[in-house]
Amino acid sequence: MYFCIVLYGLAALLLGAHFLRAGNMLLVLLCIAAPFVFFYRRRLSLVLLQTLAYGAAATWLYTAWQLVQTRQSLGQNWALAAAILGAVALFSLLAGLLLNSRVMRERYLK
């Protein structure tokens, strides 16, 4: 259970760093606050956290797509950047999928 929470926290911090670089402080604060929803042990909190994790994965994939388009138009190498952002998207997806584990469901679906 703690592994899932730590993994989710890291995914949220990575997304927060992305939004910080973009200058969106509201979304940075949301990313920092999201792991604290684990303290509210209800089904709705687990669903909300999963939705945020899947949204994070989608955000990373969209960012990768934009970066690839930009680098291709400039004639720059894009493969490494796409691989890194794809890996971060998979990390965020994994963080959301692990919230479906038996231990998490037993704790939050009361």
PDB file of N, CA and C in Angstrom:
ATOM      1  N   MET A   1       0.816  -1.183   0.000  1.00  0.00           N
ATOM      2  CA  MET A   1       0.000   0.000   0.000  1.00  0.00           C
ATOM      3  C   MET A   1       0.867   1.257   0.000  1.00  0.00           C
ATOM      4  N   TYR A   2       1.897   1.286   0.846  1.00  0.00           N
ATOM      5  CA  TYR A   2       2.740   2.473   0.917  1.00  0.00           C
ATOM      6  C   TYR A   2       3.506   2.679  -0.384  1.00  0.00           C
ATOM      7  N   PHE A   3       3.854   1.585  -1.044  1.00  0.00           N
ATOM      8  CA  PHE A   3       4.525   1.688  -2.333  1.00  0.00           C
ATOM      9  C   PHE A   3       3.639   2.418  -3.338  1.00  0.00           C
ATOM     10  N   CYS A   4       2.356   2.090  -3.365  1.00  0.00           N
ATOM     11  CA  CYS A   4       1.414   2.743  -4.278  1.00  0.00           C
ATOM     12  C   CYS A   4       1.307   4.237  -3.983  1.00  0.00           C
ATOM     13  N   ILE A   5       1.278   4.578  -2.708  1.00  0.00           N
ATOM     14  CA  ILE A   5       1.142   5.975  -2.319  1.00  0.00           C
ATOM     15  C   ILE A   5       2.404   6.760  -2.672  1.00  0.00           C
ATOM     16  N   VAL A   6       3.566   6.180  -2.419  1.00  0.00           N
ATOM     17  CA  VAL A   6       4.822   6.855  -2.756  1.00  0.00           C
ATOM     18  C   VAL A   6       4.954   7.017  -4.263  1.00  0.00           C
ATOM     19  N   LEU A   7       4.609   5.977  -5.015  1.00  0.00           N
ATOM     20  CA  LEU A   7       4.665   6.044  -6.464  1.00  0.00           C
ATOM     21  C   LEU A   7       3.735   7.134  -6.992  1.00  0.00           C
ATOM     22  N   TYR A   8       2.547   7.203  -6.417  1.00  0.00           N
ATOM     23  CA  TYR A   8       1.599   8.235  -6.833  1.00  0.00           C
ATOM     24  C   TYR A   8       2.135   9.627  -6.491  1.00  0.00           C
ATOM     25  N   GLY A   9       2.722   9.757  -5.309  1.00  0.00           N
ATOM     26  CA  GLY A   9       3.290  11.045  -4.910  1.00  0.00           C
ATOM     27  C   GLY A   9       4.384  11.504  -5.861  1.00  0.00           C
ATOM     28  N   LEU A  10       5.235  10.586  -6.289  1.00  0.00           N
ATOM     29  CA  LEU A  10       6.284  10.938  -7.244  1.00  0.00           C
ATOM     30  C   LEU A  10       5.693  11.351  -8.592  1.00  0.00           C
ATOM     31  N   ALA A  11       4.676  10.651  -9.027  1.00  0.00           N
ATOM     32  CA  ALA A  11       4.019  11.013 -10.289  1.00  0.00           C
ATOM     33  C   ALA A  11       3.391  12.404 -10.193  1.00  0.00           C
ATOM     34  N   ALA A  12       2.792  12.703  -9.043  1.00  0.00           N
ATOM     35  CA  ALA A  12       2.185  14.022  -8.849  1.00  0.00           C
ATOM     36  C   ALA A  12       3.253  15.116  -8.822  1.00  0.00           C
ATOM     37  N   LEU A  13       4.380  14.850  -8.193  1.00  0.00           N
ATOM     38  CA  LEU A  13       5.460  15.839  -8.159  1.00  0.00           C
ATOM     39  C   LEU A  13       6.057  16.067  -9.545  1.00  0.00           C
ATOM     40  N   LEU A  14       6.183  15.012 -10.337  1.00  0.00           N
ATOM     41  CA  LEU A  14       6.669  15.181 -11.709  1.00  0.00           C
ATOM     42  C   LEU A  14       5.723  16.059 -12.525  1.00  0.00           C
ATOM     43  N   LEU A  15       4.439  15.813 -12.379  1.00  0.00           N
ATOM     44  CA  LEU A  15       3.468  16.637 -13.106  1.00  0.00           C
ATOM     45  C   LEU A  15       3.483  18.067 -12.586  1.00  0.00           C
ATOM     46  N   GLY A  16       3.648  18.221 -11.284  1.00  0.00           N
ATOM     47  CA  GLY A  16       3.750  19.565 -10.715  1.00  0.00           C
ATOM     48  C   GLY A  16       4.953  20.314 -11.263  1.00  0.00           C
ATOM     49  N   ALA A  17       6.077  19.636 -11.437  1.00  0.00           N
ATOM     50  CA  ALA A  17       7.265  20.265 -12.014  1.00  0.00           C
ATOM     51  C   ALA A  17       7.005  20.687 -13.460  1.00  0.00           C
ATOM     52  N   HIS A  18       6.249  19.879 -14.189  1.00  0.00           N
ATOM     53  CA  HIS A  18       5.883  20.229 -15.567  1.00  0.00           C
ATOM     54  C   HIS A  18       5.064  21.522 -15.591  1.00  0.00           C
ATOM     55  N   PHE A  19       4.075  21.600 -14.700  1.00  0.00           N
ATOM     56  CA  PHE A  19       3.243  22.798 -14.661  1.00  0.00           C
ATOM     57  C   PHE A  19       4.003  24.004 -14.112  1.00  0.00           C
ATOM     58  N   LEU A  20       4.951  23.777 -13.221  1.00  0.00           N
ATOM     59  CA  LEU A  20       5.784  24.873 -12.712  1.00  0.00           C
ATOM     60  C   LEU A  20       6.616  25.467 -13.837  1.00  0.00           C
ATOM     61  N   ARG A  21       7.149  24.619 -14.682  1.00  0.00           N
ATOM     62  CA  ARG A  21       7.924  25.097 -15.826  1.00  0.00           C
ATOM     63  C   ARG A  21       7.052  25.920 -16.765  1.00  0.00           C
ATOM     64  N   ALA A  22       5.781  25.550 -16.861  1.00  0.00           N
ATOM     65  CA  ALA A  22       4.844  26.289 -17.709  1.00  0.00           C
ATOM     66  C   ALA A  22       4.325  27.554 -17.027  1.00  0.00           C
ATOM     67  N   GLY A  23       4.571  27.693 -15.721  1.00  0.00           N
ATOM     68  CA  GLY A  23       4.140  28.886 -14.991  1.00  0.00           C
ATOM     69  C   GLY A  23       2.708  28.826 -14.489  1.00  0.00           C
ATOM     70  N   ASN A  24       2.109  27.656 -14.417  1.00  0.00           N
ATOM     71  CA  ASN A  24       0.726  27.516 -13.969  1.00  0.00           C
ATOM     72  C   ASN A  24       0.712  27.109 -12.488  1.00  0.00           C
ATOM     73  N   MET A  25       0.702  28.094 -11.625  1.00  0.00           N
ATOM     74  CA  MET A  25       0.810  27.830 -10.188  1.00  0.00           C
ATOM     75  C   MET A  25      -0.432  27.138  -9.617  1.00  0.00           C
ATOM     76  N   LEU A  26      -1.584  27.382 -10.187  1.00  0.00           N
ATOM     77  CA  LEU A  26      -2.800  26.728  -9.699  1.00  0.00           C
ATOM     78  C   LEU A  26      -2.704  25.205  -9.869  1.00  0.00           C
ATOM     79  N   LEU A  27      -2.244  24.773 -11.032  1.00  0.00           N
ATOM     80  CA  LEU A  27      -2.104  23.336 -11.259  1.00  0.00           C
ATOM     81  C   LEU A  27      -0.940  22.746 -10.462  1.00  0.00           C
ATOM     82  N   VAL A  28       0.096  23.553 -10.204  1.00  0.00           N
ATOM     83  CA  VAL A  28       1.188  23.093  -9.342  1.00  0.00           C
ATOM     84  C   VAL A  28       0.647  22.803  -7.943  1.00  0.00           C
ATOM     85  N   LEU A  29      -0.154  23.707  -7.419  1.00  0.00           N
ATOM     86  CA  LEU A  29      -0.738  23.494  -6.089  1.00  0.00           C
ATOM     87  C   LEU A  29      -1.672  22.297  -6.065  1.00  0.00           C
ATOM     88  N   LEU A  30      -2.413  22.091  -7.130  1.00  0.00           N
ATOM     89  CA  LEU A  30      -3.285  20.916  -7.220  1.00  0.00           C
ATOM     90  C   LEU A  30      -2.463  19.628  -7.203  1.00  0.00           C
ATOM     91  N   CYS A  31      -1.355  19.619  -7.921  1.00  0.00           N
ATOM     92  CA  CYS A  31      -0.490  18.425  -7.950  1.00  0.00           C
ATOM     93  C   CYS A  31       0.136  18.157  -6.587  1.00  0.00           C
ATOM     94  N   ILE A  32       0.500  19.211  -5.883  1.00  0.00           N
ATOM     95  CA  ILE A  32       1.077  19.041  -4.550  1.00  0.00           C
ATOM     96  C   ILE A  32       0.017  18.555  -3.563  1.00  0.00           C
ATOM     97  N   ALA A  33      -1.203  19.042  -3.711  1.00  0.00           N
ATOM     98  CA  ALA A  33      -2.275  18.681  -2.778  1.00  0.00           C
ATOM     99  C   ALA A  33      -2.882  17.308  -3.059  1.00  0.00           C
ATOM    100  N   ALA A  34      -2.778  16.821  -4.280  1.00  0.00           N
ATOM    101  CA  ALA A  34      -3.443  15.570  -4.659  1.00  0.00           C
ATOM    102  C   ALA A  34      -3.081  14.381  -3.759  1.00  0.00           C
ATOM    103  N   PRO A  35      -1.812  14.143  -3.423  1.00  0.00           N
ATOM    104  CA  PRO A  35      -1.522  12.977  -2.568  1.00  0.00           C
ATOM    105  C   PRO A  35      -2.144  13.049  -1.177  1.00  0.00           C
ATOM    106  N   PHE A  36      -2.501  14.228  -0.724  1.00  0.00           N
ATOM    107  CA  PHE A  36      -3.130  14.348   0.588  1.00  0.00           C
ATOM    108  C   PHE A  36      -4.552  13.797   0.600  1.00  0.00           C
ATOM    109  N   VAL A  37      -5.107  13.541  -0.571  1.00  0.00           N
ATOM    110  CA  VAL A  37      -6.441  12.936  -0.666  1.00  0.00           C
ATOM    111  C   VAL A  37      -6.397  11.499  -0.137  1.00  0.00           C
ATOM    112  N   PHE A  38      -5.221  10.894  -0.072  1.00  0.00           N
ATOM    113  CA  PHE A  38      -5.100   9.546   0.490  1.00  0.00           C
ATOM    114  C   PHE A  38      -5.549   9.498   1.957  1.00  0.00           C
ATOM    115  N   PHE A  39      -5.508  10.619   2.639  1.00  0.00           N
ATOM    116  CA  PHE A  39      -5.936  10.647   4.043  1.00  0.00           C
ATOM    117  C   PHE A  39      -7.449  10.511   4.180  1.00  0.00           C
ATOM    118  N   TYR A  40      -8.190  10.811   3.128  1.00  0.00           N
ATOM    119  CA  TYR A  40      -9.643  10.689   3.135  1.00  0.00           C
ATOM    120  C   TYR A  40      -9.981   9.301   2.591  1.00  0.00           C
ATOM    121  N   ARG A  41     -10.256   8.365   3.452  1.00  0.00           N
ATOM    122  CA  ARG A  41     -10.403   6.958   3.080  1.00  0.00           C
ATOM    123  C   ARG A  41     -11.825   6.636   2.621  1.00  0.00           C
ATOM    124  N   ARG A  42     -12.141   7.073   1.430  1.00  0.00           N
ATOM    125  CA  ARG A  42     -13.436   6.783   0.817  1.00  0.00           C
ATOM    126  C   ARG A  42     -13.220   6.365  -0.629  1.00  0.00           C
ATOM    127  N   ARG A  43     -14.228   5.708  -1.173  1.00  0.00           N
ATOM    128  CA  ARG A  43     -14.165   5.254  -2.560  1.00  0.00           C
ATOM    129  C   ARG A  43     -13.971   6.426  -3.510  1.00  0.00           C
ATOM    130  N   LEU A  44     -14.659   7.522  -3.262  1.00  0.00           N
ATOM    131  CA  LEU A  44     -14.575   8.690  -4.128  1.00  0.00           C
ATOM    132  C   LEU A  44     -13.146   9.226  -4.214  1.00  0.00           C
ATOM    133  N   SER A  45     -12.415   9.178  -3.120  1.00  0.00           N
ATOM    134  CA  SER A  45     -11.036   9.687  -3.146  1.00  0.00           C
ATOM    135  C   SER A  45     -10.162   8.821  -4.048  1.00  0.00           C
ATOM    136  N   LEU A  46     -10.361   7.513  -4.003  1.00  0.00           N
ATOM    137  CA  LEU A  46      -9.583   6.622  -4.856  1.00  0.00           C
ATOM    138  C   LEU A  46      -9.904   6.854  -6.333  1.00  0.00           C
ATOM    139  N   VAL A  47     -11.171   7.050  -6.634  1.00  0.00           N
ATOM    140  CA  VAL A  47     -11.584   7.324  -8.015  1.00  0.00           C
ATOM    141  C   VAL A  47     -10.991   8.649  -8.487  1.00  0.00           C
ATOM    142  N   LEU A  48     -11.015   9.658  -7.640  1.00  0.00           N
ATOM    143  CA  LEU A  48     -10.453  10.959  -7.988  1.00  0.00           C
ATOM    144  C   LEU A  48      -8.949  10.854  -8.257  1.00  0.00           C
ATOM    145  N   LEU A  49      -8.243  10.141  -7.389  1.00  0.00           N
ATOM    146  CA  LEU A  49      -6.802   9.987  -7.562  1.00  0.00           C
ATOM    147  C   LEU A  49      -6.473   9.221  -8.847  1.00  0.00           C
ATOM    148  N   GLN A  50      -7.258   8.192  -9.153  1.00  0.00           N
ATOM    149  CA  GLN A  50      -7.043   7.455 -10.397  1.00  0.00           C
ATOM    150  C   GLN A  50      -7.285   8.349 -11.611  1.00  0.00           C
ATOM    151  N   THR A  51      -8.332   9.136 -11.562  1.00  0.00           N
ATOM    152  CA  THR A  51      -8.637  10.040 -12.667  1.00  0.00           C
ATOM    153  C   THR A  51      -7.510  11.034 -12.876  1.00  0.00           C
ATOM    154  N   LEU A  52      -6.972  11.558 -11.795  1.00  0.00           N
ATOM    155  CA  LEU A  52      -5.851  12.496 -11.904  1.00  0.00           C
ATOM    156  C   LEU A  52      -4.611  11.816 -12.477  1.00  0.00           C
ATOM    157  N   ALA A  53      -4.357  10.575 -12.093  1.00  0.00           N
ATOM    158  CA  ALA A  53      -3.193   9.854 -12.619  1.00  0.00           C
ATOM    159  C   ALA A  53      -3.344   9.590 -14.113  1.00  0.00           C
ATOM    160  N   TYR A  54      -4.534   9.194 -14.534  1.00  0.00           N
ATOM    161  CA  TYR A  54      -4.756   8.951 -15.958  1.00  0.00           C
ATOM    162  C   TYR A  54      -4.700  10.261 -16.748  1.00  0.00           C
ATOM    163  N   GLY A  55      -5.194  11.329 -16.148  1.00  0.00           N
ATOM    164  CA  GLY A  55      -5.074  12.646 -16.778  1.00  0.00           C
ATOM    165  C   GLY A  55      -3.623  13.074 -16.903  1.00  0.00           C
ATOM    166  N   ALA A  56      -2.816  12.735 -15.905  1.00  0.00           N
ATOM    167  CA  ALA A  56      -1.388  13.050 -15.962  1.00  0.00           C
ATOM    168  C   ALA A  56      -0.722  12.303 -17.111  1.00  0.00           C
ATOM    169  N   ALA A  57      -1.071  11.032 -17.281  1.00  0.00           N
ATOM    170  CA  ALA A  57      -0.508  10.248 -18.385  1.00  0.00           C
ATOM    171  C   ALA A  57      -0.896  10.870 -19.730  1.00  0.00           C
ATOM    172  N   ALA A  58      -2.142  11.289 -19.841  1.00  0.00           N
ATOM    173  CA  ALA A  58      -2.593  11.941 -21.081  1.00  0.00           C
ATOM    174  C   ALA A  58      -1.854  13.255 -21.305  1.00  0.00           C
ATOM    175  N   THR A  59      -1.618  14.000 -20.247  1.00  0.00           N
ATOM    176  CA  THR A  59      -0.882  15.261 -20.351  1.00  0.00           C
ATOM    177  C   THR A  59       0.535  15.019 -20.848  1.00  0.00           C
ATOM    178  N   TRP A  60       1.197  13.985 -20.318  1.00  0.00           N
ATOM    179  CA  TRP A  60       2.554  13.676 -20.757  1.00  0.00           C
ATOM    180  C   TRP A  60       2.577  13.254 -22.212  1.00  0.00           C
ATOM    181  N   LEU A  61       1.591  12.471 -22.644  1.00  0.00           N
ATOM    182  CA  LEU A  61       1.555  12.041 -24.047  1.00  0.00           C
ATOM    183  C   LEU A  61       1.292  13.225 -24.979  1.00  0.00           C
ATOM    184  N   TYR A  62       0.427  14.124 -24.562  1.00  0.00           N
ATOM    185  CA  TYR A  62       0.160  15.322 -25.362  1.00  0.00           C
ATOM    186  C   TYR A  62       1.410  16.199 -25.450  1.00  0.00           C
ATOM    187  N   THR A  63       2.107  16.340 -24.336  1.00  0.00           N
ATOM    188  CA  THR A  63       3.336  17.125 -24.324  1.00  0.00           C
ATOM    189  C   THR A  63       4.388  16.483 -25.224  1.00  0.00           C
ATOM    190  N   ALA A  64       4.484  15.154 -25.190  1.00  0.00           N
ATOM    191  CA  ALA A  64       5.432  14.451 -26.066  1.00  0.00           C
ATOM    192  C   ALA A  64       5.085  14.690 -27.526  1.00  0.00           C
ATOM    193  N   TRP A  65       3.801  14.621 -27.848  1.00  0.00           N
ATOM    194  CA  TRP A  65       3.363  14.845 -29.222  1.00  0.00           C
ATOM    195  C   TRP A  65       3.730  16.262 -29.679  1.00  0.00           C
ATOM    196  N   GLN A  66       3.481  17.257 -28.822  1.00  0.00           N
ATOM    197  CA  GLN A  66       3.821  18.634 -29.166  1.00  0.00           C
ATOM    198  C   GLN A  66       5.327  18.802 -29.370  1.00  0.00           C
ATOM    199  N   LEU A  67       6.096  18.199 -28.475  1.00  0.00           N
ATOM    200  CA  LEU A  67       7.550  18.315 -28.555  1.00  0.00           C
ATOM    201  C   LEU A  67       8.083  17.656 -29.821  1.00  0.00           C
ATOM    202  N   VAL A  68       7.542  16.500 -30.169  1.00  0.00           N
ATOM    203  CA  VAL A  68       7.966  15.817 -31.392  1.00  0.00           C
ATOM    204  C   VAL A  68       7.641  16.675 -32.612  1.00  0.00           C
ATOM    205  N   GLN A  69       6.454  17.241 -32.648  1.00  0.00           N
ATOM    206  CA  GLN A  69       6.078  18.092 -33.781  1.00  0.00           C
ATOM    207  C   GLN A  69       7.014  19.285 -33.911  1.00  0.00           C
ATOM    208  N   THR A  70       7.314  19.919 -32.785  1.00  0.00           N
ATOM    209  CA  THR A  70       8.186  21.092 -32.808  1.00  0.00           C
ATOM    210  C   THR A  70       9.592  20.717 -33.257  1.00  0.00           C
ATOM    211  N   ARG A  71      10.131  19.658 -32.690  1.00  0.00           N
ATOM    212  CA  ARG A  71      11.499  19.267 -33.047  1.00  0.00           C
ATOM    213  C   ARG A  71      11.604  18.778 -34.491  1.00  0.00           C
ATOM    214  N   GLN A  72      10.584  18.103 -34.979  1.00  0.00           N
ATOM    215  CA  GLN A  72      10.613  17.674 -36.372  1.00  0.00           C
ATOM    216  C   GLN A  72      10.595  18.873 -37.313  1.00  0.00           C
ATOM    217  N   SER A  73       9.798  19.874 -36.976  1.00  0.00           N
ATOM    218  CA  SER A  73       9.727  21.055 -37.846  1.00  0.00           C
ATOM    219  C   SER A  73      11.029  21.844 -37.839  1.00  0.00           C
ATOM    220  N   LEU A  74      11.789  21.744 -36.753  1.00  0.00           N
ATOM    221  CA  LEU A  74      13.076  22.432 -36.669  1.00  0.00           C
ATOM    222  C   LEU A  74      14.231  21.561 -37.151  1.00  0.00           C
ATOM    223  N   GLY A  75      13.948  20.310 -37.503  1.00  0.00           N
ATOM    224  CA  GLY A  75      14.982  19.408 -37.978  1.00  0.00           C
ATOM    225  C   GLY A  75      15.882  18.887 -36.865  1.00  0.00           C
ATOM    226  N   GLN A  76      15.386  18.902 -35.638  1.00  0.00           N
ATOM    227  CA  GLN A  76      16.181  18.431 -34.501  1.00  0.00           C
ATOM    228  C   GLN A  76      15.823  16.979 -34.173  1.00  0.00           C
ATOM    229  N   ASN A  77      16.706  16.349 -33.388  1.00  0.00           N
ATOM    230  CA  ASN A  77      16.465  14.984 -32.937  1.00  0.00           C
ATOM    231  C   ASN A  77      15.322  14.992 -31.918  1.00  0.00           C
ATOM    232  N   TRP A  78      14.387  14.082 -32.078  1.00  0.00           N
ATOM    233  CA  TRP A  78      13.214  14.064 -31.209  1.00  0.00           C
ATOM    234  C   TRP A  78      13.005  12.728 -30.504  1.00  0.00           C
ATOM    235  N   ALA A  79      13.723  11.704 -30.879  1.00  0.00           N
ATOM    236  CA  ALA A  79      13.459  10.352 -30.384  1.00  0.00           C
ATOM    237  C   ALA A  79      13.703  10.218 -28.888  1.00  0.00           C
ATOM    238  N   LEU A  80      14.805  10.775 -28.383  1.00  0.00           N
ATOM    239  CA  LEU A  80      15.110  10.643 -26.962  1.00  0.00           C
ATOM    240  C   LEU A  80      14.074  11.373 -26.106  1.00  0.00           C
ATOM    241  N   ALA A  81      13.689  12.568 -26.527  1.00  0.00           N
ATOM    242  CA  ALA A  81      12.675  13.321 -25.775  1.00  0.00           C
ATOM    243  C   ALA A  81      11.344  12.574 -25.752  1.00  0.00           C
ATOM    244  N   ALA A  82      10.978  11.988 -26.880  1.00  0.00           N
ATOM    245  CA  ALA A  82       9.727  11.228 -26.943  1.00  0.00           C
ATOM    246  C   ALA A  82       9.796   9.992 -26.053  1.00  0.00           C
ATOM    247  N   ALA A  83      10.946   9.337 -26.014  1.00  0.00           N
ATOM    248  CA  ALA A  83      11.103   8.152 -25.172  1.00  0.00           C
ATOM    249  C   ALA A  83      11.015   8.515 -23.690  1.00  0.00           C
ATOM    250  N   ILE A  84      11.635   9.609 -23.310  1.00  0.00           N
ATOM    251  CA  ILE A  84      11.601  10.037 -21.905  1.00  0.00           C
ATOM    252  C   ILE A  84      10.185  10.399 -21.488  1.00  0.00           C
ATOM    253  N   LEU A  85       9.511  11.202 -22.288  1.00  0.00           N
ATOM    254  CA  LEU A  85       8.145  11.595 -21.933  1.00  0.00           C
ATOM    255  C   LEU A  85       7.187  10.407 -22.001  1.00  0.00           C
ATOM    256  N   GLY A  86       7.434   9.481 -22.898  1.00  0.00           N
ATOM    257  CA  GLY A  86       6.629   8.267 -22.936  1.00  0.00           C
ATOM    258  C   GLY A  86       6.816   7.430 -21.674  1.00  0.00           C
ATOM    259  N   ALA A  87       8.051   7.362 -21.190  1.00  0.00           N
ATOM    260  CA  ALA A  87       8.320   6.625 -19.956  1.00  0.00           C
ATOM    261  C   ALA A  87       7.650   7.290 -18.759  1.00  0.00           C
ATOM    262  N   VAL A  88       7.653   8.609 -18.726  1.00  0.00           N
ATOM    263  CA  VAL A  88       6.987   9.324 -17.629  1.00  0.00           C
ATOM    264  C   VAL A  88       5.474   9.114 -17.716  1.00  0.00           C
ATOM    265  N   ALA A  89       4.933   9.065 -18.919  1.00  0.00           N
ATOM    266  CA  ALA A  89       3.499   8.790 -19.086  1.00  0.00           C
ATOM    267  C   ALA A  89       3.166   7.384 -18.584  1.00  0.00           C
ATOM    268  N   LEU A  90       4.014   6.416 -18.882  1.00  0.00           N
ATOM    269  CA  LEU A  90       3.796   5.055 -18.387  1.00  0.00           C
ATOM    270  C   LEU A  90       3.903   4.988 -16.869  1.00  0.00           C
ATOM    271  N   PHE A  91       4.817   5.763 -16.311  1.00  0.00           N
ATOM    272  CA  PHE A  91       4.966   5.832 -14.860  1.00  0.00           C
ATOM    273  C   PHE A  91       3.681   6.355 -14.215  1.00  0.00           C
ATOM    274  N   SER A  92       3.110   7.415 -14.785  1.00  0.00           N
ATOM    275  CA  SER A  92       1.866   7.979 -14.260  1.00  0.00           C
ATOM    276  C   SER A  92       0.709   6.999 -14.434  1.00  0.00           C
ATOM    277  N   LEU A  93       0.674   6.317 -15.558  1.00  0.00           N
ATOM    278  CA  LEU A  93      -0.359   5.314 -15.792  1.00  0.00           C
ATOM    279  C   LEU A  93      -0.243   4.173 -14.785  1.00  0.00           C
ATOM    280  N   LEU A  94       0.970   3.730 -14.523  1.00  0.00           N
ATOM    281  CA  LEU A  94       1.200   2.673 -13.542  1.00  0.00           C
ATOM    282  C   LEU A  94       0.748   3.112 -12.154  1.00  0.00           C
ATOM    283  N   ALA A  95       1.036   4.362 -11.803  1.00  0.00           N
ATOM    284  CA  ALA A  95       0.601   4.875 -10.498  1.00  0.00           C
ATOM    285  C   ALA A  95      -0.917   4.814 -10.363  1.00  0.00           C
ATOM    286  N   GLY A  96      -1.638   5.113 -11.439  1.00  0.00           N
ATOM    287  CA  GLY A  96      -3.090   5.016 -11.401  1.00  0.00           C
ATOM    288  C   GLY A  96      -3.585   3.585 -11.374  1.00  0.00           C
ATOM    289  N   LEU A  97      -2.946   2.722 -12.146  1.00  0.00           N
ATOM    290  CA  LEU A  97      -3.371   1.323 -12.190  1.00  0.00           C
ATOM    291  C   LEU A  97      -3.130   0.608 -10.865  1.00  0.00           C
ATOM    292  N   LEU A  98      -2.061   0.957 -10.174  1.00  0.00           N
ATOM    293  CA  LEU A  98      -1.776   0.314  -8.894  1.00  0.00           C
ATOM    294  C   LEU A  98      -2.797   0.676  -7.819  1.00  0.00           C
ATOM    295  N   LEU A  99      -3.547   1.738  -8.040  1.00  0.00           N
ATOM    296  CA  LEU A  99      -4.601   2.089  -7.083  1.00  0.00           C
ATOM    297  C   LEU A  99      -5.762   1.100  -7.161  1.00  0.00           C
ATOM    298  N   ASN A 100      -5.751   0.229  -8.180  1.00  0.00           N
ATOM    299  CA  ASN A 100      -6.763  -0.826  -8.297  1.00  0.00           C
ATOM    300  C   ASN A 100      -6.367  -2.096  -7.565  1.00  0.00           C
ATOM    301  N   SER A 101      -5.227  -2.096  -6.911  1.00  0.00           N
ATOM    302  CA  SER A 101      -4.762  -3.307  -6.240  1.00  0.00           C
ATOM    303  C   SER A 101      -5.710  -3.696  -5.099  1.00  0.00           C
ATOM    304  N   ARG A 102      -5.653  -4.955  -4.736  1.00  0.00           N
ATOM    305  CA  ARG A 102      -6.537  -5.491  -3.695  1.00  0.00           C
ATOM    306  C   ARG A 102      -6.358  -4.739  -2.376  1.00  0.00           C
ATOM    307  N   VAL A 103      -5.130  -4.461  -2.006  1.00  0.00           N
ATOM    308  CA  VAL A 103      -4.861  -3.774  -0.735  1.00  0.00           C
ATOM    309  C   VAL A 103      -5.485  -2.383  -0.727  1.00  0.00           C
ATOM    310  N   MET A 104      -5.335  -1.666  -1.827  1.00  0.00           N
ATOM    311  CA  MET A 104      -5.903  -0.312  -1.892  1.00  0.00           C
ATOM    312  C   MET A 104      -7.439  -0.368  -1.879  1.00  0.00           C
ATOM    313  N   ARG A 105      -8.006  -1.315  -2.598  1.00  0.00           N
ATOM    314  CA  ARG A 105      -9.460  -1.414  -2.619  1.00  0.00           C
ATOM    315  C   ARG A 105     -10.017  -1.762  -1.244  1.00  0.00           C
ATOM    316  N   GLU A 106      -9.338  -2.667  -0.532  1.00  0.00           N
ATOM    317  CA  GLU A 106      -9.798  -3.032   0.810  1.00  0.00           C
ATOM    318  C   GLU A 106      -9.762  -1.834   1.749  1.00  0.00           C
ATOM    319  N   ARG A 107      -8.771  -1.007   1.602  1.00  0.00           N
ATOM    320  CA  ARG A 107      -8.614   0.135   2.504  1.00  0.00           C
ATOM    321  C   ARG A 107      -9.565   1.286   2.183  1.00  0.00           C
ATOM    322  N   TYR A 108      -9.857   1.479   0.902  1.00  0.00           N
ATOM    323  CA  TYR A 108     -10.613   2.659   0.478  1.00  0.00           C
ATOM    324  C   TYR A 108     -12.045   2.384   0.057  1.00  0.00           C
ATOM    325  N   LEU A 109     -12.425   1.172  -0.162  1.00  0.00           N
ATOM    326  CA  LEU A 109     -13.773   0.894  -0.640  1.00  0.00           C
ATOM    327  C   LEU A 109     -14.691   0.399   0.469  1.00  0.00           C
ATOM    328  N   LYS A 110     -14.531   0.952   1.620  1.00  0.00           N
ATOM    329  CA  LYS A 110     -15.385   0.579   2.761  1.00  0.00           C
ATOM    330  C   LYS A 110     -16.738   1.213   2.663  1.00  0.00           C
TER     331      LYS A 110
END
